[in-house]
Amino acid sequence: MEQMTAKEVETLLNEGKKLDIIDVREVGEFATGKISGAVNIPLGLVEFRMHELNKSKEYIMVCRSGGRSGRATQFLESYGFNVINMAGGMLAWEGIVE
């Protein structure tokens, strides 16, 4: 499983890179603050909403601490998606939160 640190994600965003970020936290957690542009697909719904994703894109998976996003990353990888887990999750995020 490929991983990226929260700082690496923040740096890419600050450089103006367009990132496709999927936040797998629950709706209530997501509402307390998210990375700009992140889309919320709670972990329990990933299997049912993966048809919304494009296999030609690269997705960065995010959760609170990196565990749930790691599971989502492994699951989506098994279906041929190009996904990267943000290690440490939102607990490691020091960037701007919406």
Protein backbone atom coordinates (compact mmCIF):
# COMPACT_ATOMS: atom_id res chain seq x y z
CA MET A 1 0.00 0.00 0.00
CA GLU A 2 1.39 3.35 -1.02
CA GLN A 3 1.38 6.04 1.66
CA MET A 4 1.98 9.77 1.79
CA THR A 5 2.44 11.98 4.83
CA ALA A 6 0.00 14.75 5.70
CA LYS A 7 2.85 17.24 5.13
CA GLU A 8 3.45 15.88 1.61
CA VAL A 9 -0.26 16.26 0.79
CA GLU A 10 -0.26 19.80 2.21
CA THR A 11 2.82 20.71 0.16
CA LEU A 12 1.23 19.45 -3.06
CA LEU A 13 -1.94 21.45 -2.37
CA ASN A 14 0.11 24.57 -1.55
CA GLU A 15 1.91 24.13 -4.89
CA GLY A 16 -1.48 24.31 -6.60
CA LYS A 17 -1.74 20.64 -7.49
CA LYS A 18 -5.28 19.34 -8.06
CA LEU A 19 -5.66 16.35 -5.76
CA ASP A 20 -8.60 13.97 -5.56
CA ILE A 21 -9.03 13.43 -1.82
CA ILE A 22 -11.56 11.01 -0.37
CA ASP A 23 -12.29 11.32 3.34
CA VAL A 24 -13.68 8.06 4.72
CA ARG A 25 -14.67 9.40 8.14
CA GLU A 26 -18.31 9.38 9.19
CA VAL A 27 -20.48 12.32 8.12
CA GLY A 28 -20.40 13.90 11.61
CA GLU A 29 -16.60 13.70 11.77
CA PHE A 30 -16.28 15.16 8.27
CA ALA A 31 -18.55 18.07 9.24
CA THR A 32 -16.13 19.11 12.02
CA GLY A 33 -13.44 19.97 9.46
CA LYS A 34 -12.04 18.73 6.18
CA ILE A 35 -9.20 19.27 3.76
CA SER A 36 -10.28 21.68 1.02
CA GLY A 37 -11.83 19.80 -1.89
CA ALA A 38 -12.14 16.49 -0.04
CA VAL A 39 -15.15 14.33 -0.85
CA ASN A 40 -16.80 12.38 1.95
CA ILE A 41 -17.44 8.68 1.36
CA PRO A 42 -17.71 7.00 4.79
CA LEU A 43 -15.75 3.73 4.97
CA GLY A 44 -18.92 1.65 5.22
CA LEU A 45 -20.16 3.10 1.92
CA VAL A 46 -16.95 2.81 -0.13
CA GLU A 47 -17.97 -0.56 -1.59
CA PHE A 48 -21.35 0.83 -2.67
CA ARG A 49 -20.03 4.13 -4.06
CA MET A 50 -16.83 3.00 -5.79
CA HIS A 51 -18.73 3.18 -9.11
CA GLU A 52 -18.48 7.00 -8.66
CA LEU A 53 -14.66 6.77 -8.85
CA ASN A 54 -12.51 6.75 -11.98
CA LYS A 55 -9.77 4.11 -12.26
CA SER A 56 -7.66 6.49 -14.37
CA LYS A 57 -7.40 8.99 -11.48
CA GLU A 58 -5.21 8.89 -8.39
CA TYR A 59 -7.04 9.23 -5.07
CA ILE A 60 -5.64 10.16 -1.67
CA MET A 61 -7.55 8.46 1.14
CA VAL A 62 -7.97 10.26 4.49
CA CYS A 63 -9.55 9.46 7.87
CA ARG A 64 -8.94 10.49 11.48
CA SER A 65 -5.72 8.56 12.13
CA GLY A 66 -4.94 6.54 8.99
CA GLY A 67 -6.50 3.19 9.92
CA ARG A 68 -9.85 3.40 8.14
CA SER A 69 -8.29 5.10 5.12
CA GLY A 70 -5.71 2.30 5.05
CA ARG A 71 -8.50 -0.28 4.88
CA ALA A 72 -10.25 1.73 2.14
CA THR A 73 -6.95 1.98 0.24
CA GLN A 74 -6.40 -1.78 0.35
CA PHE A 75 -10.01 -2.46 -0.64
CA LEU A 76 -9.95 -0.08 -3.63
CA GLU A 77 -6.50 -1.34 -4.70
CA SER A 78 -7.97 -4.84 -4.89
CA TYR A 79 -10.43 -3.49 -7.49
CA GLY A 80 -7.71 -1.83 -9.56
CA PHE A 81 -7.96 1.75 -8.30
CA ASN A 82 -4.88 3.97 -7.96
CA VAL A 83 -5.04 5.02 -4.29
CA ILE A 84 -2.65 6.40 -1.69
CA ASN A 85 -3.24 6.39 2.07
CA MET A 86 -2.49 9.64 3.96
CA ALA A 87 -0.54 8.28 6.94
CA GLY A 88 -1.58 9.72 10.30
CA GLY A 89 -4.88 11.04 8.97
CA MET A 90 -6.42 14.30 10.13
CA LEU A 91 -4.58 13.98 13.47
CA ALA A 92 -1.36 14.60 11.52
CA TRP A 93 -2.84 17.35 9.31
CA GLU A 94 -1.42 20.81 10.06
CA GLY A 95 -2.86 22.59 7.03
CA ILE A 96 -6.01 24.64 6.64
CA VAL A 97 -9.27 22.93 7.58
CA GLU A 98 -12.61 23.97 6.12
